[in-house]
N, C-alpha and C. Protein backbone atom coordinates (compact mmCIF):
# COMPACT_ATOMS: atom_id res chain seq x y z
N UNK A 1 -179.86 68.16 -136.73
CA UNK A 1 -179.41 68.52 -135.39
C UNK A 1 -179.74 67.39 -134.43
N UNK A 2 -179.23 67.52 -133.23
CA UNK A 2 -179.48 66.49 -132.22
C UNK A 2 -180.94 66.46 -131.79
N UNK A 3 -181.62 67.60 -131.84
CA UNK A 3 -183.03 67.63 -131.45
C UNK A 3 -183.89 66.84 -132.44
N UNK A 4 -183.60 66.99 -133.71
CA UNK A 4 -184.37 66.24 -134.72
C UNK A 4 -184.10 64.75 -134.58
N UNK A 5 -182.85 64.38 -134.35
CA UNK A 5 -182.53 62.97 -134.17
C UNK A 5 -183.20 62.41 -132.92
N UNK A 6 -183.35 63.23 -131.90
CA UNK A 6 -184.04 62.78 -130.69
C UNK A 6 -185.51 62.49 -130.98
N UNK A 7 -186.12 63.30 -131.83
CA UNK A 7 -187.51 63.05 -132.22
C UNK A 7 -187.60 61.76 -133.02
N UNK A 8 -186.60 61.49 -133.86
CA UNK A 8 -186.58 60.25 -134.63
C UNK A 8 -186.45 59.05 -133.71
N UNK A 9 -185.65 59.17 -132.65
CA UNK A 9 -185.53 58.07 -131.69
C UNK A 9 -186.88 57.78 -131.04
N UNK A 10 -187.57 58.83 -130.64
CA UNK A 10 -188.89 58.65 -130.02
C UNK A 10 -189.86 58.00 -131.02
N UNK A 11 -189.85 58.47 -132.26
CA UNK A 11 -190.71 57.88 -133.28
C UNK A 11 -190.38 56.43 -133.55
N UNK A 12 -189.10 56.10 -133.56
CA UNK A 12 -188.69 54.71 -133.75
C UNK A 12 -189.14 53.81 -132.61
N UNK A 13 -189.04 54.33 -131.40
CA UNK A 13 -189.52 53.56 -130.25
C UNK A 13 -191.02 53.35 -130.31
N UNK A 14 -191.74 54.38 -130.73
CA UNK A 14 -193.20 54.25 -130.86
C UNK A 14 -193.54 53.25 -131.96
N UNK A 15 -192.82 53.31 -133.09
CA UNK A 15 -193.08 52.37 -134.19
C UNK A 15 -192.79 50.94 -133.78
N UNK A 16 -191.72 50.73 -133.02
CA UNK A 16 -191.38 49.38 -132.58
C UNK A 16 -192.35 48.87 -131.53
N UNK A 17 -192.87 49.76 -130.69
CA UNK A 17 -193.79 49.35 -129.63
C UNK A 17 -195.24 49.30 -130.08
N UNK A 18 -195.55 49.91 -131.23
CA UNK A 18 -196.94 49.97 -131.69
C UNK A 18 -197.48 48.61 -132.05
N UNK A 19 -196.61 47.71 -132.44
CA UNK A 19 -197.05 46.37 -132.82
C UNK A 19 -197.20 45.57 -131.54
N UNK A 20 -198.41 45.17 -131.26
CA UNK A 20 -198.65 44.41 -130.03
C UNK A 20 -198.17 42.97 -130.20
N UNK A 21 -198.07 42.26 -129.11
CA UNK A 21 -197.55 40.90 -129.12
C UNK A 21 -198.42 39.91 -129.87
N UNK A 22 -199.74 40.14 -129.98
CA UNK A 22 -200.61 39.17 -130.63
C UNK A 22 -200.66 39.34 -132.15
N UNK A 23 -200.09 40.40 -132.67
CA UNK A 23 -200.07 40.62 -134.12
C UNK A 23 -198.88 39.88 -134.70
N UNK A 24 -199.16 39.00 -135.65
CA UNK A 24 -198.10 38.24 -136.29
C UNK A 24 -198.24 38.42 -137.79
N UNK A 25 -197.15 38.55 -138.45
CA UNK A 25 -197.19 38.69 -139.90
C UNK A 25 -196.05 39.56 -140.38
N UNK A 26 -196.00 39.74 -141.69
CA UNK A 26 -194.89 40.52 -142.24
C UNK A 26 -194.92 41.98 -141.82
N UNK A 27 -196.10 42.54 -141.63
CA UNK A 27 -196.18 43.95 -141.22
C UNK A 27 -195.61 44.17 -139.82
N UNK A 28 -195.80 43.19 -138.94
CA UNK A 28 -195.27 43.32 -137.58
C UNK A 28 -193.74 43.35 -137.61
N UNK A 29 -193.15 42.48 -138.39
CA UNK A 29 -191.69 42.44 -138.47
C UNK A 29 -191.13 43.68 -139.15
N UNK A 30 -191.86 44.19 -140.15
CA UNK A 30 -191.41 45.40 -140.84
C UNK A 30 -191.45 46.59 -139.88
N UNK A 31 -192.52 46.71 -139.11
CA UNK A 31 -192.63 47.83 -138.17
C UNK A 31 -191.57 47.76 -137.09
N UNK A 32 -191.37 46.56 -136.53
CA UNK A 32 -190.35 46.42 -135.49
C UNK A 32 -188.96 46.64 -136.06
N UNK A 33 -188.72 46.10 -137.24
CA UNK A 33 -187.40 46.28 -137.86
C UNK A 33 -187.12 47.73 -138.19
N UNK A 34 -188.13 48.42 -138.73
CA UNK A 34 -187.95 49.84 -139.06
C UNK A 34 -187.72 50.65 -137.79
N UNK A 35 -188.42 50.30 -136.72
CA UNK A 35 -188.23 51.00 -135.45
C UNK A 35 -186.83 50.80 -134.89
N UNK A 36 -186.34 49.57 -134.95
CA UNK A 36 -185.00 49.28 -134.44
C UNK A 36 -183.94 50.00 -135.28
N UNK A 37 -184.10 49.96 -136.60
CA UNK A 37 -183.14 50.64 -137.48
C UNK A 37 -183.16 52.15 -137.23
N UNK A 38 -184.35 52.72 -137.08
CA UNK A 38 -184.45 54.17 -136.84
C UNK A 38 -183.80 54.55 -135.52
N UNK A 39 -184.04 53.78 -134.49
CA UNK A 39 -183.44 54.08 -133.19
C UNK A 39 -181.92 53.95 -133.25
N UNK A 40 -181.44 52.91 -133.90
CA UNK A 40 -180.00 52.69 -133.99
C UNK A 40 -179.31 53.82 -134.76
N UNK A 41 -179.81 54.13 -135.94
CA UNK A 41 -179.17 55.16 -136.76
C UNK A 41 -179.27 56.54 -136.13
N UNK A 42 -180.40 56.85 -135.54
CA UNK A 42 -180.55 58.16 -134.90
C UNK A 42 -179.65 58.27 -133.66
N UNK A 43 -179.49 57.17 -132.94
CA UNK A 43 -178.60 57.19 -131.77
C UNK A 43 -177.16 57.43 -132.18
N UNK A 44 -176.74 56.77 -133.26
CA UNK A 44 -175.38 57.00 -133.77
C UNK A 44 -175.23 58.45 -134.21
N UNK A 45 -176.26 58.99 -134.85
CA UNK A 45 -176.22 60.38 -135.31
C UNK A 45 -176.13 61.35 -134.13
N UNK A 46 -176.88 61.09 -133.08
CA UNK A 46 -176.84 61.95 -131.89
C UNK A 46 -175.44 61.92 -131.26
N UNK A 47 -174.91 60.72 -131.08
CA UNK A 47 -173.59 60.57 -130.47
C UNK A 47 -172.53 61.26 -131.32
N UNK A 48 -172.59 61.08 -132.63
CA UNK A 48 -171.65 61.73 -133.53
C UNK A 48 -171.77 63.24 -133.50
N UNK A 49 -173.00 63.73 -133.39
CA UNK A 49 -173.21 65.17 -133.31
C UNK A 49 -172.58 65.77 -132.07
N UNK A 50 -172.69 65.07 -130.95
CA UNK A 50 -172.06 65.56 -129.72
C UNK A 50 -170.54 65.54 -129.84
N UNK A 51 -170.00 64.52 -130.49
CA UNK A 51 -168.55 64.44 -130.65
C UNK A 51 -168.03 65.57 -131.56
N UNK A 52 -168.73 65.84 -132.65
CA UNK A 52 -168.32 66.92 -133.55
C UNK A 52 -168.42 68.26 -132.84
N UNK A 53 -169.49 68.47 -132.08
CA UNK A 53 -169.65 69.72 -131.34
C UNK A 53 -168.52 69.90 -130.33
N UNK A 54 -168.16 68.84 -129.67
CA UNK A 54 -167.07 68.90 -128.69
C UNK A 54 -165.75 69.29 -129.36
N UNK A 55 -165.47 68.70 -130.51
CA UNK A 55 -164.23 69.02 -131.22
C UNK A 55 -164.23 70.45 -131.72
N UNK A 56 -165.38 70.92 -132.20
CA UNK A 56 -165.45 72.30 -132.69
C UNK A 56 -165.24 73.29 -131.55
N UNK A 57 -165.83 73.03 -130.40
CA UNK A 57 -165.65 73.93 -129.26
C UNK A 57 -164.21 73.90 -128.76
N UNK A 58 -163.56 72.76 -128.86
CA UNK A 58 -162.16 72.66 -128.44
C UNK A 58 -161.25 73.48 -129.34
N UNK A 59 -161.63 73.70 -130.59
CA UNK A 59 -160.82 74.51 -131.50
C UNK A 59 -160.75 75.95 -131.03
N UNK A 60 -161.77 76.44 -130.36
CA UNK A 60 -161.82 77.84 -129.94
C UNK A 60 -161.27 78.06 -128.54
N UNK A 61 -160.89 77.00 -127.87
CA UNK A 61 -160.33 77.13 -126.53
C UNK A 61 -158.93 77.72 -126.64
N UNK A 62 -158.63 78.71 -125.80
CA UNK A 62 -157.31 79.33 -125.84
C UNK A 62 -156.28 78.37 -125.28
N UNK A 63 -155.16 78.29 -125.99
CA UNK A 63 -154.07 77.43 -125.54
C UNK A 63 -153.01 78.30 -124.88
N UNK A 64 -152.43 77.80 -123.81
CA UNK A 64 -151.36 78.54 -123.15
C UNK A 64 -150.09 78.38 -123.95
N UNK A 65 -149.44 79.51 -124.17
CA UNK A 65 -148.17 79.48 -124.88
C UNK A 65 -147.04 79.46 -123.85
N UNK A 66 -145.99 78.72 -124.15
CA UNK A 66 -144.86 78.74 -123.21
C UNK A 66 -144.20 80.11 -123.22
N UNK A 67 -143.74 80.55 -122.06
CA UNK A 67 -143.12 81.87 -121.94
C UNK A 67 -141.78 81.88 -122.66
N UNK A 68 -141.46 83.03 -123.26
CA UNK A 68 -140.17 83.19 -123.93
C UNK A 68 -139.08 83.31 -122.86
N UNK A 69 -137.85 82.91 -123.19
CA UNK A 69 -136.78 82.99 -122.18
C UNK A 69 -136.55 84.41 -121.67
N UNK A 70 -136.68 85.42 -122.51
CA UNK A 70 -136.47 86.81 -122.06
C UNK A 70 -137.55 87.22 -121.06
N UNK A 71 -138.78 86.78 -121.29
CA UNK A 71 -139.87 87.12 -120.38
C UNK A 71 -139.70 86.43 -119.04
N UNK A 72 -139.15 85.22 -119.05
CA UNK A 72 -138.96 84.51 -117.79
C UNK A 72 -137.84 85.16 -116.98
N UNK A 73 -136.82 85.66 -117.65
CA UNK A 73 -135.73 86.32 -116.94
C UNK A 73 -136.22 87.62 -116.31
N UNK A 74 -137.07 88.37 -117.00
CA UNK A 74 -137.62 89.61 -116.44
C UNK A 74 -138.52 89.31 -115.25
N UNK A 75 -139.29 88.25 -115.34
CA UNK A 75 -140.22 87.91 -114.27
C UNK A 75 -139.48 87.46 -113.02
N UNK A 76 -138.31 86.81 -113.18
CA UNK A 76 -137.59 86.33 -112.01
C UNK A 76 -136.70 87.40 -111.39
N UNK A 77 -136.56 88.54 -112.06
CA UNK A 77 -135.79 89.64 -111.50
C UNK A 77 -134.33 89.62 -111.89
N UNK A 78 -133.95 88.84 -112.84
CA UNK A 78 -132.54 88.76 -113.23
C UNK A 78 -132.16 89.83 -114.21
């Protein structure tokens, strides 16, 4: 769900920010890279979830049907 993906975004931001500027080495790059990847993928997932939800809700929206010619004649008084 979008809520779980939002938690993943926060965790990715924390993982990317947890490595301070004075730490250098392979672990720093791995943590920052994992954080960036997590934020990117979770953001795409959140956006996609909203798009799918929007399309599903649009399926249930009532569509106006055009009036039949006989009904229009009755309504106009002819």
